Amino acid sequence: QVQLVESGGGLVQPGGSLRLSCAASGLIFSTTAAKWYRQAPGKGRELVAAITSADGRINYADSVKGRFTISRDDAKNTVFLQMNSLKPEDTAVYYCNALLQTWDKNYNYWGQGAQVTVSS
């Protein structure tokens, strides 16, 4: 059974930093596309950052580029999202996602979500 367990959310002042972690069991992160999404109150889910399985290519949403960093520790089978220079508009529930693609199916796995609140 696949599980993604997130940790590291919390309350931080504007300009501060947080690091989210997503530890996987039942799958190997390096064989998937690992992504972070977020959902703010009253808004749809937004893709924030992604790292591909094949070549480790990384992409970011324009809203977080230069402030957020996604990384993967294969030894720990964990994906991280380092968030710096946080703004109130970054307040959201952040979700870890792993997309496993086989030749005929896609499998999507989600973490439980981590609340990030940026406020003074």
PDB file of N, CA and C in Angstrom:
ATOM      1  N   GLN A   1       0.847  -1.197   0.000  1.00  0.00           N
ATOM      2  CA  GLN A   1       0.000   0.000   0.000  1.00  0.00           C
ATOM      3  C   GLN A   1       0.876   1.237   0.000  1.00  0.00           C
ATOM      4  N   VAL A   2       0.532   2.169  -0.860  1.00  0.00           N
ATOM      5  CA  VAL A   2       1.322   3.382  -0.996  1.00  0.00           C
ATOM      6  C   VAL A   2       0.844   4.431   0.003  1.00  0.00           C
ATOM      7  N   GLN A   3       1.807   5.060   0.671  1.00  0.00           N
ATOM      8  CA  GLN A   3       1.490   6.170   1.564  1.00  0.00           C
ATOM      9  C   GLN A   3       2.482   7.295   1.357  1.00  0.00           C
ATOM     10  N   LEU A   4       1.953   8.505   1.315  1.00  0.00           N
ATOM     11  CA  LEU A   4       2.785   9.706   1.297  1.00  0.00           C
ATOM     12  C   LEU A   4       2.451  10.477   2.566  1.00  0.00           C
ATOM     13  N   VAL A   5       3.444  10.715   3.394  1.00  0.00           N
ATOM     14  CA  VAL A   5       3.230  11.379   4.684  1.00  0.00           C
ATOM     15  C   VAL A   5       3.984  12.699   4.695  1.00  0.00           C
ATOM     16  N   GLU A   6       3.222  13.770   4.840  1.00  0.00           N
ATOM     17  CA  GLU A   6       3.796  15.114   4.816  1.00  0.00           C
ATOM     18  C   GLU A   6       4.062  15.623   6.226  1.00  0.00           C
ATOM     19  N   SER A   7       5.039  16.501   6.326  1.00  0.00           N
ATOM     20  CA  SER A   7       5.324  17.177   7.593  1.00  0.00           C
ATOM     21  C   SER A   7       5.993  18.509   7.303  1.00  0.00           C
ATOM     22  N   GLY A   8       6.003  19.387   8.310  1.00  0.00           N
ATOM     23  CA  GLY A   8       6.741  20.638   8.184  1.00  0.00           C
ATOM     24  C   GLY A   8       5.914  21.892   8.006  1.00  0.00           C
ATOM     25  N   GLY A   9       4.609  21.777   7.928  1.00  0.00           N
ATOM     26  CA  GLY A   9       3.792  22.976   7.802  1.00  0.00           C
ATOM     27  C   GLY A   9       3.760  23.768   9.100  1.00  0.00           C
ATOM     28  N   GLY A  10       3.108  24.926   9.043  1.00  0.00           N
ATOM     29  CA  GLY A  10       2.986  25.733  10.249  1.00  0.00           C
ATOM     30  C   GLY A  10       2.701  27.183   9.952  1.00  0.00           C
ATOM     31  N   LEU A  11       2.874  27.999  10.986  1.00  0.00           N
ATOM     32  CA  LEU A  11       2.650  29.443  10.900  1.00  0.00           C
ATOM     33  C   LEU A  11       3.998  30.148  10.829  1.00  0.00           C
ATOM     34  N   VAL A  12       4.126  31.060   9.887  1.00  0.00           N
ATOM     35  CA  VAL A  12       5.380  31.801   9.729  1.00  0.00           C
ATOM     36  C   VAL A  12       5.059  33.233   9.349  1.00  0.00           C
ATOM     37  N   GLN A  13       5.928  34.147   9.731  1.00  0.00           N
ATOM     38  CA  GLN A  13       5.743  35.547   9.379  1.00  0.00           C
ATOM     39  C   GLN A  13       6.163  35.792   7.939  1.00  0.00           C
ATOM     40  N   PRO A  14       5.610  36.824   7.316  1.00  0.00           N
ATOM     41  CA  PRO A  14       6.052  37.178   5.955  1.00  0.00           C
ATOM     42  C   PRO A  14       7.564  37.361   5.909  1.00  0.00           C
ATOM     43  N   GLY A  15       8.156  36.818   4.846  1.00  0.00           N
ATOM     44  CA  GLY A  15       9.607  36.857   4.702  1.00  0.00           C
ATOM     45  C   GLY A  15      10.310  35.665   5.298  1.00  0.00           C
ATOM     46  N   GLY A  16       9.580  34.851   6.040  1.00  0.00           N
ATOM     47  CA  GLY A  16      10.168  33.690   6.691  1.00  0.00           C
ATOM     48  C   GLY A  16      10.281  32.490   5.762  1.00  0.00           C
ATOM     49  N   SER A  17      10.733  31.370   6.357  1.00  0.00           N
ATOM     50  CA  SER A  17      10.960  30.148   5.590  1.00  0.00           C
ATOM     51  C   SER A  17      10.331  28.945   6.284  1.00  0.00           C
ATOM     52  N   LEU A  18       9.971  27.965   5.481  1.00  0.00           N
ATOM     53  CA  LEU A  18       9.514  26.667   5.957  1.00  0.00           C
ATOM     54  C   LEU A  18      10.018  25.616   4.990  1.00  0.00           C
ATOM     55  N   ARG A  19      10.174  24.394   5.508  1.00  0.00           N
ATOM     56  CA  ARG A  19      10.500  23.279   4.636  1.00  0.00           C
ATOM     57  C   ARG A  19       9.485  22.167   4.846  1.00  0.00           C
ATOM     58  N   LEU A  20       8.835  21.778   3.753  1.00  0.00           N
ATOM     59  CA  LEU A  20       7.907  20.659   3.786  1.00  0.00           C
ATOM     60  C   LEU A  20       8.631  19.382   3.362  1.00  0.00           C
ATOM     61  N   SER A  21       8.252  18.288   4.008  1.00  0.00           N
ATOM     62  CA  SER A  21       8.791  16.979   3.654  1.00  0.00           C
ATOM     63  C   SER A  21       7.656  16.048   3.273  1.00  0.00           C
ATOM     64  N   CYS A  22       7.939  15.130   2.381  1.00  0.00           N
ATOM     65  CA  CYS A  22       6.956  14.129   1.956  1.00  0.00           C
ATOM     66  C   CYS A  22       7.692  12.796   1.867  1.00  0.00           C
ATOM     67  N   ALA A  23       7.435  11.930   2.834  1.00  0.00           N
ATOM     68  CA  ALA A  23       8.093  10.628   2.880  1.00  0.00           C
ATOM     69  C   ALA A  23       7.177   9.567   2.284  1.00  0.00           C
ATOM     70  N   ALA A  24       7.732   8.761   1.398  1.00  0.00           N
ATOM     71  CA  ALA A  24       6.938   7.755   0.694  1.00  0.00           C
ATOM     72  C   ALA A  24       7.233   6.353   1.221  1.00  0.00           C
ATOM     73  N   SER A  25       6.185   5.550   1.254  1.00  0.00           N
ATOM     74  CA  SER A  25       6.332   4.113   1.493  1.00  0.00           C
ATOM     75  C   SER A  25       5.470   3.387   0.476  1.00  0.00           C
ATOM     76  N   GLY A  26       5.928   2.244   0.038  1.00  0.00           N
ATOM     77  CA  GLY A  26       5.177   1.490  -0.954  1.00  0.00           C
ATOM     78  C   GLY A  26       5.466   1.878  -2.389  1.00  0.00           C
ATOM     79  N   LEU A  27       6.266   2.906  -2.601  1.00  0.00           N
ATOM     80  CA  LEU A  27       6.728   3.247  -3.944  1.00  0.00           C
ATOM     81  C   LEU A  27       8.085   3.930  -3.830  1.00  0.00           C
ATOM     82  N   ILE A  28       8.781   3.968  -4.949  1.00  0.00           N
ATOM     83  CA  ILE A  28      10.094   4.602  -4.988  1.00  0.00           C
ATOM     84  C   ILE A  28       9.949   5.923  -5.709  1.00  0.00           C
ATOM     85  N   PHE A  29      10.213   6.999  -4.978  1.00  0.00           N
ATOM     86  CA  PHE A  29       9.994   8.339  -5.525  1.00  0.00           C
ATOM     87  C   PHE A  29      10.751   8.575  -6.830  1.00  0.00           C
ATOM     88  N   SER A  30      11.924   8.007  -6.955  1.00  0.00           N
ATOM     89  CA  SER A  30      12.732   8.284  -8.139  1.00  0.00           C
ATOM     90  C   SER A  30      12.141   7.665  -9.405  1.00  0.00           C
ATOM     91  N   THR A  31      11.153   6.813  -9.262  1.00  0.00           N
ATOM     92  CA  THR A  31      10.479   6.229 -10.421  1.00  0.00           C
ATOM     93  C   THR A  31       9.209   6.979 -10.781  1.00  0.00           C
ATOM     94  N   THR A  32       8.923   8.048 -10.064  1.00  0.00           N
ATOM     95  CA  THR A  32       7.699   8.813 -10.303  1.00  0.00           C
ATOM     96  C   THR A  32       8.037  10.271 -10.621  1.00  0.00           C
ATOM     97  N   ALA A  33       7.024  10.977 -11.103  1.00  0.00           N
ATOM     98  CA  ALA A  33       7.108  12.436 -11.147  1.00  0.00           C
ATOM     99  C   ALA A  33       6.569  12.916  -9.812  1.00  0.00           C
ATOM    100  N   ALA A  34       7.402  13.603  -9.052  1.00  0.00           N
ATOM    101  CA  ALA A  34       6.999  14.095  -7.739  1.00  0.00           C
ATOM    102  C   ALA A  34       6.627  15.572  -7.835  1.00  0.00           C
ATOM    103  N   LYS A  35       5.498  15.928  -7.251  1.00  0.00           N
ATOM    104  CA  LYS A  35       4.987  17.283  -7.403  1.00  0.00           C
ATOM    105  C   LYS A  35       4.467  17.806  -6.067  1.00  0.00           C
ATOM    106  N   TRP A  36       4.475  19.114  -5.951  1.00  0.00           N
ATOM    107  CA  TRP A  36       3.802  19.803  -4.863  1.00  0.00           C
ATOM    108  C   TRP A  36       2.704  20.679  -5.439  1.00  0.00           C
ATOM    109  N   TYR A  37       1.518  20.535  -4.877  1.00  0.00           N
ATOM    110  CA  TYR A  37       0.379  21.386  -5.206  1.00  0.00           C
ATOM    111  C   TYR A  37       0.010  22.178  -3.953  1.00  0.00           C
ATOM    112  N   ARG A  38      -0.788  23.208  -4.170  1.00  0.00           N
ATOM    113  CA  ARG A  38      -1.359  23.910  -3.027  1.00  0.00           C
ATOM    114  C   ARG A  38      -2.776  24.354  -3.355  1.00  0.00           C
ATOM    115  N   GLN A  39      -3.550  24.511  -2.291  1.00  0.00           N
ATOM    116  CA  GLN A  39      -4.926  24.972  -2.459  1.00  0.00           C
ATOM    117  C   GLN A  39      -5.238  25.979  -1.370  1.00  0.00           C
ATOM    118  N   ALA A  40      -5.472  27.213  -1.802  1.00  0.00           N
ATOM    119  CA  ALA A  40      -5.840  28.277  -0.880  1.00  0.00           C
ATOM    120  C   ALA A  40      -7.352  28.265  -0.683  1.00  0.00           C
ATOM    121  N   PRO A  41      -7.828  28.843   0.416  1.00  0.00           N
ATOM    122  CA  PRO A  41      -9.282  28.868   0.676  1.00  0.00           C
ATOM    123  C   PRO A  41     -10.048  29.497  -0.482  1.00  0.00           C
ATOM    124  N   GLY A  42     -11.069  28.797  -0.952  1.00  0.00           N
ATOM    125  CA  GLY A  42     -11.908  29.317  -2.005  1.00  0.00           C
ATOM    126  C   GLY A  42     -11.313  29.261  -3.397  1.00  0.00           C
ATOM    127  N   LYS A  43     -10.150  28.603  -3.540  1.00  0.00           N
ATOM    128  CA  LYS A  43      -9.479  28.531  -4.846  1.00  0.00           C
ATOM    129  C   LYS A  43      -9.238  27.087  -5.245  1.00  0.00           C
ATOM    130  N   GLY A  44      -8.930  26.896  -6.513  1.00  0.00           N
ATOM    131  CA  GLY A  44      -8.616  25.569  -7.013  1.00  0.00           C
ATOM    132  C   GLY A  44      -7.205  25.141  -6.650  1.00  0.00           C
ATOM    133  N   ARG A  45      -6.908  23.880  -6.898  1.00  0.00           N
ATOM    134  CA  ARG A  45      -5.581  23.349  -6.601  1.00  0.00           C
ATOM    135  C   ARG A  45      -4.596  23.833  -7.662  1.00  0.00           C
ATOM    136  N   GLU A  46      -3.450  24.321  -7.208  1.00  0.00           N
ATOM    137  CA  GLU A  46      -2.428  24.905  -8.083  1.00  0.00           C
ATOM    138  C   GLU A  46      -1.148  24.080  -8.019  1.00  0.00           C
ATOM    139  N   LEU A  47      -0.599  23.754  -9.183  1.00  0.00           N
ATOM    140  CA  LEU A  47       0.695  23.064  -9.233  1.00  0.00           C
ATOM    141  C   LEU A  47       1.796  24.072  -8.921  1.00  0.00           C
ATOM    142  N   VAL A  48       2.621  23.750  -7.942  1.00  0.00           N
ATOM    143  CA  VAL A  48       3.650  24.670  -7.467  1.00  0.00           C
ATOM    144  C   VAL A  48       5.027  24.298  -8.010  1.00  0.00           C
ATOM    145  N   ALA A  49       5.364  23.005  -7.924  1.00  0.00           N
ATOM    146  CA  ALA A  49       6.699  22.571  -8.329  1.00  0.00           C
ATOM    147  C   ALA A  49       6.652  21.092  -8.671  1.00  0.00           C
ATOM    148  N   ALA A  50       7.558  20.686  -9.572  1.00  0.00           N
ATOM    149  CA  ALA A  50       7.591  19.288  -9.985  1.00  0.00           C
ATOM    150  C   ALA A  50       9.014  18.883 -10.325  1.00  0.00           C
ATOM    151  N   ILE A  51       9.320  17.609 -10.065  1.00  0.00           N
ATOM    152  CA  ILE A  51      10.603  17.043 -10.449  1.00  0.00           C
ATOM    153  C   ILE A  51      10.318  15.715 -11.136  1.00  0.00           C
ATOM    154  N   THR A  52      10.848  15.546 -12.349  1.00  0.00           N
ATOM    155  CA  THR A  52      10.524  14.358 -13.125  1.00  0.00           C
ATOM    156  C   THR A  52      11.386  13.181 -12.695  1.00  0.00           C
ATOM    157  N   SER A  53      10.903  11.997 -13.041  1.00  0.00           N
ATOM    158  CA  SER A  53      11.624  10.796 -12.642  1.00  0.00           C
ATOM    159  C   SER A  53      12.800  10.521 -13.560  1.00  0.00           C
ATOM    160  N   ALA A  54      12.601  10.753 -14.851  1.00  0.00           N
ATOM    161  CA  ALA A  54      13.590  10.299 -15.829  1.00  0.00           C
ATOM    162  C   ALA A  54      14.907  11.064 -15.718  1.00  0.00           C
ATOM    163  N   ASP A  55      14.822  12.375 -15.794  1.00  0.00           N
ATOM    164  CA  ASP A  55      16.057  13.157 -15.840  1.00  0.00           C
ATOM    165  C   ASP A  55      16.170  14.162 -14.695  1.00  0.00           C
ATOM    166  N   GLY A  56      15.224  14.109 -13.759  1.00  0.00           N
ATOM    167  CA  GLY A  56      15.287  15.020 -12.622  1.00  0.00           C
ATOM    168  C   GLY A  56      15.015  16.466 -12.993  1.00  0.00           C
ATOM    169  N   ARG A  57      14.375  16.670 -14.148  1.00  0.00           N
ATOM    170  CA  ARG A  57      14.068  18.044 -14.572  1.00  0.00           C
ATOM    171  C   ARG A  57      13.090  18.670 -13.592  1.00  0.00           C
ATOM    172  N   ILE A  58      13.312  19.957 -13.292  1.00  0.00           N
ATOM    173  CA  ILE A  58      12.510  20.659 -12.296  1.00  0.00           C
ATOM    174  C   ILE A  58      11.793  21.831 -12.937  1.00  0.00           C
ATOM    175  N   ASN A  59      10.546  22.019 -12.521  1.00  0.00           N
ATOM    176  CA  ASN A  59       9.757  23.151 -13.000  1.00  0.00           C
ATOM    177  C   ASN A  59       9.015  23.790 -11.837  1.00  0.00           C
ATOM    178  N   TYR A  60       8.795  25.080 -11.944  1.00  0.00           N
ATOM    179  CA  TYR A  60       8.098  25.840 -10.908  1.00  0.00           C
ATOM    180  C   TYR A  60       7.024  26.711 -11.530  1.00  0.00           C
ATOM    181  N   ALA A  61       5.980  26.945 -10.730  1.00  0.00           N
ATOM    182  CA  ALA A  61       5.004  27.958 -11.106  1.00  0.00           C
ATOM    183  C   ALA A  61       5.678  29.332 -11.034  1.00  0.00           C
ATOM    184  N   ASP A  62       5.238  30.240 -11.888  1.00  0.00           N
ATOM    185  CA  ASP A  62       5.834  31.580 -11.904  1.00  0.00           C
ATOM    186  C   ASP A  62       5.696  32.265 -10.549  1.00  0.00           C
ATOM    187  N   SER A  63       4.628  31.950  -9.832  1.00  0.00           N
ATOM    188  CA  SER A  63       4.355  32.622  -8.562  1.00  0.00           C
ATOM    189  C   SER A  63       5.368  32.276  -7.464  1.00  0.00           C
ATOM    190  N   VAL A  64       6.118  31.171  -7.637  1.00  0.00           N
ATOM    191  CA  VAL A  64       7.054  30.758  -6.596  1.00  0.00           C
ATOM    192  C   VAL A  64       8.496  30.690  -7.102  1.00  0.00           C
ATOM    193  N   LYS A  65       8.690  30.917  -8.378  1.00  0.00           N
ATOM    194  CA  LYS A  65      10.019  30.804  -8.972  1.00  0.00           C
ATOM    195  C   LYS A  65      10.997  31.751  -8.277  1.00  0.00           C
ATOM    196  N   GLY A  66      12.155  31.223  -7.911  1.00  0.00           N
ATOM    197  CA  GLY A  66      13.159  32.028  -7.228  1.00  0.00           C
ATOM    198  C   GLY A  66      13.014  32.032  -5.718  1.00  0.00           C
ATOM    199  N   ARG A  67      11.887  31.519  -5.212  1.00  0.00           N
ATOM    200  CA  ARG A  67      11.659  31.493  -3.760  1.00  0.00           C
ATOM    201  C   ARG A  67      11.542  30.066  -3.224  1.00  0.00           C
ATOM    202  N   PHE A  68      10.990  29.168  -4.016  1.00  0.00           N
ATOM    203  CA  PHE A  68      10.776  27.785  -3.592  1.00  0.00           C
ATOM    204  C   PHE A  68      11.767  26.870  -4.309  1.00  0.00           C
ATOM    205  N   THR A  69      12.158  25.797  -3.614  1.00  0.00           N
ATOM    206  CA  THR A  69      13.048  24.799  -4.197  1.00  0.00           C
ATOM    207  C   THR A  69      12.522  23.407  -3.888  1.00  0.00           C
ATOM    208  N   ILE A  70      12.323  22.616  -4.937  1.00  0.00           N
ATOM    209  CA  ILE A  70      11.927  21.216  -4.765  1.00  0.00           C
ATOM    210  C   ILE A  70      13.179  20.358  -4.894  1.00  0.00           C
ATOM    211  N   SER A  71      13.254  19.336  -4.044  1.00  0.00           N
ATOM    212  CA  SER A  71      14.394  18.429  -4.105  1.00  0.00           C
ATOM    213  C   SER A  71      13.949  17.036  -3.670  1.00  0.00           C
ATOM    214  N   ARG A  72      14.809  16.066  -3.959  1.00  0.00           N
ATOM    215  CA  ARG A  72      14.470  14.679  -3.650  1.00  0.00           C
ATOM    216  C   ARG A  72      15.697  14.004  -3.061  1.00  0.00           C
ATOM    217  N   ASP A  73      15.493  13.290  -1.965  1.00  0.00           N
ATOM    218  CA  ASP A  73      16.554  12.497  -1.342  1.00  0.00           C
ATOM    219  C   ASP A  73      16.211  11.029  -1.576  1.00  0.00           C
ATOM    220  N   ASP A  74      16.896  10.407  -2.519  1.00  0.00           N
ATOM    221  CA  ASP A  74      16.563   9.033  -2.875  1.00  0.00           C
ATOM    222  C   ASP A  74      16.882   8.055  -1.747  1.00  0.00           C
ATOM    223  N   ALA A  75      17.903   8.332  -0.976  1.00  0.00           N
ATOM    224  CA  ALA A  75      18.258   7.441   0.136  1.00  0.00           C
ATOM    225  C   ALA A  75      17.152   7.399   1.189  1.00  0.00           C
ATOM    226  N   LYS A  76      16.478   8.551   1.369  1.00  0.00           N
ATOM    227  CA  LYS A  76      15.394   8.633   2.351  1.00  0.00           C
ATOM    228  C   LYS A  76      14.030   8.452   1.699  1.00  0.00           C
ATOM    229  N   ASN A  77      14.016   8.352   0.362  1.00  0.00           N
ATOM    230  CA  ASN A  77      12.747   8.223  -0.371  1.00  0.00           C
ATOM    231  C   ASN A  77      11.776   9.341   0.025  1.00  0.00           C
ATOM    232  N   THR A  78      12.309  10.550   0.014  1.00  0.00           N
ATOM    233  CA  THR A  78      11.582  11.718   0.498  1.00  0.00           C
ATOM    234  C   THR A  78      11.772  12.879  -0.472  1.00  0.00           C
ATOM    235  N   VAL A  79      10.702  13.643  -0.648  1.00  0.00           N
ATOM    236  CA  VAL A  79      10.743  14.853  -1.454  1.00  0.00           C
ATOM    237  C   VAL A  79      10.533  16.044  -0.525  1.00  0.00           C
ATOM    238  N   PHE A  80      11.227  17.137  -0.822  1.00  0.00           N
ATOM    239  CA  PHE A  80      11.166  18.327   0.014  1.00  0.00           C
ATOM    240  C   PHE A  80      10.693  19.533  -0.805  1.00  0.00           C
ATOM    241  N   LEU A  81      10.122  20.486  -0.102  1.00  0.00           N
ATOM    242  CA  LEU A  81       9.827  21.786  -0.705  1.00  0.00           C
ATOM    243  C   LEU A  81      10.331  22.845   0.267  1.00  0.00           C
ATOM    244  N   GLN A  82      11.441  23.467  -0.098  1.00  0.00           N
ATOM    245  CA  GLN A  82      11.993  24.559   0.691  1.00  0.00           C
ATOM    246  C   GLN A  82      11.329  25.859   0.239  1.00  0.00           C
ATOM    247  N   MET A  83      10.718  26.553   1.166  1.00  0.00           N
ATOM    248  CA  MET A  83       9.977  27.763   0.844  1.00  0.00           C
ATOM    249  C   MET A  83      10.609  28.948   1.567  1.00  0.00           C
ATOM    250  N   ASN A  84      11.142  29.877   0.802  1.00  0.00           N
ATOM    251  CA  ASN A  84      11.781  31.069   1.359  1.00  0.00           C
ATOM    252  C   ASN A  84      11.008  32.319   0.949  1.00  0.00           C
ATOM    253  N   SER A  85      11.294  33.408   1.637  1.00  0.00           N
ATOM    254  CA  SER A  85      10.656  34.697   1.326  1.00  0.00           C
ATOM    255  C   SER A  85       9.140  34.546   1.217  1.00  0.00           C
ATOM    256  N   LEU A  86       8.568  33.880   2.172  1.00  0.00           N
ATOM    257  CA  LEU A  86       7.134  33.575   2.111  1.00  0.00           C
ATOM    258  C   LEU A  86       6.289  34.840   2.195  1.00  0.00           C
ATOM    259  N   LYS A  87       5.177  34.784   1.464  1.00  0.00           N
ATOM    260  CA  LYS A  87       4.233  35.902   1.387  1.00  0.00           C
ATOM    261  C   LYS A  87       2.863  35.446   1.898  1.00  0.00           C
ATOM    262  N   PRO A  88       2.034  36.377   2.328  1.00  0.00           N
ATOM    263  CA  PRO A  88       0.693  35.982   2.780  1.00  0.00           C
ATOM    264  C   PRO A  88      -0.081  35.197   1.713  1.00  0.00           C
ATOM    265  N   GLU A  89       0.149  35.513   0.460  1.00  0.00           N
ATOM    266  CA  GLU A  89      -0.561  34.798  -0.617  1.00  0.00           C
ATOM    267  C   GLU A  89      -0.065  33.368  -0.813  1.00  0.00           C
ATOM    268  N   ASP A  90       0.982  32.973  -0.107  1.00  0.00           N
ATOM    269  CA  ASP A  90       1.422  31.580  -0.133  1.00  0.00           C
ATOM    270  C   ASP A  90       0.626  30.720   0.843  1.00  0.00           C
ATOM    271  N   THR A  91      -0.221  31.350   1.648  1.00  0.00           N
ATOM    272  CA  THR A  91      -1.043  30.609   2.599  1.00  0.00           C
ATOM    273  C   THR A  91      -1.956  29.630   1.865  1.00  0.00           C
ATOM    274  N   ALA A  92      -1.871  28.364   2.246  1.00  0.00           N
ATOM    275  CA  ALA A  92      -2.625  27.314   1.561  1.00  0.00           C
ATOM    276  C   ALA A  92      -2.364  25.982   2.257  1.00  0.00           C
ATOM    277  N   VAL A  93      -3.128  24.989   1.862  1.00  0.00           N
ATOM    278  CA  VAL A  93      -2.795  23.610   2.209  1.00  0.00           C
ATOM    279  C   VAL A  93      -1.933  23.066   1.073  1.00  0.00           C
ATOM    280  N   TYR A  94      -0.789  22.542   1.422  1.00  0.00           N
ATOM    281  CA  TYR A  94       0.161  22.026   0.438  1.00  0.00           C
ATOM    282  C   TYR A  94       0.077  20.506   0.399  1.00  0.00           C
ATOM    283  N   TYR A  95      -0.004  19.977  -0.825  1.00  0.00           N
ATOM    284  CA  TYR A  95      -0.156  18.537  -1.026  1.00  0.00           C
ATOM    285  C   TYR A  95       1.011  17.984  -1.834  1.00  0.00           C
ATOM    286  N   CYS A  96       1.534  16.890  -1.356  1.00  0.00           N
ATOM    287  CA  CYS A  96       2.543  16.144  -2.086  1.00  0.00           C
ATOM    288  C   CYS A  96       1.837  15.174  -3.032  1.00  0.00           C
ATOM    289  N   ASN A  97       2.394  14.989  -4.211  1.00  0.00           N
ATOM    290  CA  ASN A  97       1.798  14.106  -5.211  1.00  0.00           C
ATOM    291  C   ASN A  97       2.884  13.290  -5.895  1.00  0.00           C
ATOM    292  N   ALA A  98       2.574  12.021  -6.147  1.00  0.00           N
ATOM    293  CA  ALA A  98       3.475  11.168  -6.917  1.00  0.00           C
ATOM    294  C   ALA A  98       2.682  10.573  -8.072  1.00  0.00           C
ATOM    295  N   LEU A  99       3.171  10.788  -9.280  1.00  0.00           N
ATOM    296  CA  LEU A  99       2.537  10.242 -10.479  1.00  0.00           C
ATOM    297  C   LEU A  99       3.411   9.125 -11.028  1.00  0.00           C
ATOM    298  N   LEU A 100       2.857   7.915 -10.990  1.00  0.00           N
ATOM    299  CA  LEU A 100       3.558   6.745 -11.503  1.00  0.00           C
ATOM    300  C   LEU A 100       2.910   6.345 -12.826  1.00  0.00           C
ATOM    301  N   GLN A 101       3.719   6.338 -13.881  1.00  0.00           N
ATOM    302  CA  GLN A 101       3.187   6.017 -15.207  1.00  0.00           C
ATOM    303  C   GLN A 101       3.715   4.670 -15.662  1.00  0.00           C
ATOM    304  N   THR A 102       2.776   3.749 -15.946  1.00  0.00           N
ATOM    305  CA  THR A 102       3.156   2.493 -16.583  1.00  0.00           C
ATOM    306  C   THR A 102       2.780   2.586 -18.051  1.00  0.00           C
ATOM    307  N   TRP A 103       2.960   1.515 -18.797  1.00  0.00           N
ATOM    308  CA  TRP A 103       2.733   1.623 -20.237  1.00  0.00           C
ATOM    309  C   TRP A 103       1.269   1.844 -20.577  1.00  0.00           C
ATOM    310  N   ASP A 104       0.360   1.467 -19.629  1.00  0.00           N
ATOM    311  CA  ASP A 104      -1.050   1.587 -19.957  1.00  0.00           C
ATOM    312  C   ASP A 104      -1.880   2.349 -18.919  1.00  0.00           C
ATOM    313  N   LYS A 105      -1.270   2.737 -17.791  1.00  0.00           N
ATOM    314  CA  LYS A 105      -2.048   3.399 -16.749  1.00  0.00           C
ATOM    315  C   LYS A 105      -1.213   4.465 -16.054  1.00  0.00           C
ATOM    316  N   ASN A 106      -1.933   5.428 -15.487  1.00  0.00           N
ATOM    317  CA  ASN A 106      -1.322   6.409 -14.600  1.00  0.00           C
ATOM    318  C   ASN A 106      -1.856   6.187 -13.194  1.00  0.00           C
ATOM    319  N   TYR A 107      -0.965   6.221 -12.225  1.00  0.00           N
ATOM    320  CA  TYR A 107      -1.359   6.079 -10.830  1.00  0.00           C
ATOM    321  C   TYR A 107      -0.981   7.366 -10.096  1.00  0.00           C
ATOM    322  N   ASN A 108      -1.975   7.983  -9.473  1.00  0.00           N
ATOM    323  CA  ASN A 108      -1.776   9.233  -8.735  1.00  0.00           C
ATOM    324  C   ASN A 108      -1.911   8.977  -7.249  1.00  0.00           C
ATOM    325  N   TYR A 109      -0.897   9.391  -6.496  1.00  0.00           N
ATOM    326  CA  TYR A 109      -0.928   9.230  -5.055  1.00  0.00           C
ATOM    327  C   TYR A 109      -0.762  10.600  -4.397  1.00  0.00           C
ATOM    328  N   TRP A 110      -1.487  10.798  -3.279  1.00  0.00           N
ATOM    329  CA  TRP A 110      -1.507  12.095  -2.617  1.00  0.00           C
ATOM    330  C   TRP A 110      -1.151  11.976  -1.135  1.00  0.00           C
ATOM    331  N   GLY A 111      -0.472  12.986  -0.633  1.00  0.00           N
ATOM    332  CA  GLY A 111      -0.281  13.125   0.795  1.00  0.00           C
ATOM    333  C   GLY A 111      -1.528  13.692   1.443  1.00  0.00           C
ATOM    334  N   GLN A 112      -1.493  13.791   2.756  1.00  0.00           N
ATOM    335  CA  GLN A 112      -2.671  14.205   3.512  1.00  0.00           C
ATOM    336  C   GLN A 112      -2.838  15.718   3.547  1.00  0.00           C
ATOM    337  N   GLY A 113      -1.815  16.443   3.141  1.00  0.00           N
ATOM    338  CA  GLY A 113      -1.878  17.905   3.148  1.00  0.00           C
ATOM    339  C   GLY A 113      -1.212  18.499   4.369  1.00  0.00           C
ATOM    340  N   ALA A 114      -0.562  19.636   4.178  1.00  0.00           N
ATOM    341  CA  ALA A 114       0.090  20.351   5.272  1.00  0.00           C
ATOM    342  C   ALA A 114      -0.304  21.815   5.193  1.00  0.00           C
ATOM    343  N   GLN A 115      -0.818  22.349   6.286  1.00  0.00           N
ATOM    344  CA  GLN A 115      -1.248  23.749   6.304  1.00  0.00           C
ATOM    345  C   GLN A 115      -0.038  24.658   6.456  1.00  0.00           C
ATOM    346  N   VAL A 116       0.051  25.621   5.563  1.00  0.00           N
ATOM    347  CA  VAL A 116       1.062  26.673   5.655  1.00  0.00           C
ATOM    348  C   VAL A 116       0.331  28.000   5.760  1.00  0.00           C
ATOM    349  N   THR A 117       0.592  28.731   6.828  1.00  0.00           N
ATOM    350  CA  THR A 117      -0.041  30.017   7.045  1.00  0.00           C
ATOM    351  C   THR A 117       1.043  31.076   7.190  1.00  0.00           C
ATOM    352  N   VAL A 118       0.951  32.087   6.338  1.00  0.00           N
ATOM    353  CA  VAL A 118       1.928  33.180   6.362  1.00  0.00           C
ATOM    354  C   VAL A 118       1.192  34.430   6.835  1.00  0.00           C
ATOM    355  N   SER A 119       1.527  34.869   8.028  1.00  0.00           N
ATOM    356  CA  SER A 119       0.795  35.988   8.628  1.00  0.00           C
ATOM    357  C   SER A 119       1.641  36.631   9.715  1.00  0.00           C
ATOM    358  N   SER A 120       1.464  37.947   9.853  1.00  0.00           N
ATOM    359  CA  SER A 120       2.152  38.653  10.929  1.00  0.00           C
ATOM    360  C   SER A 120       1.252  38.759  12.162  1.00  0.00           C
TER     361      SER A 120
END
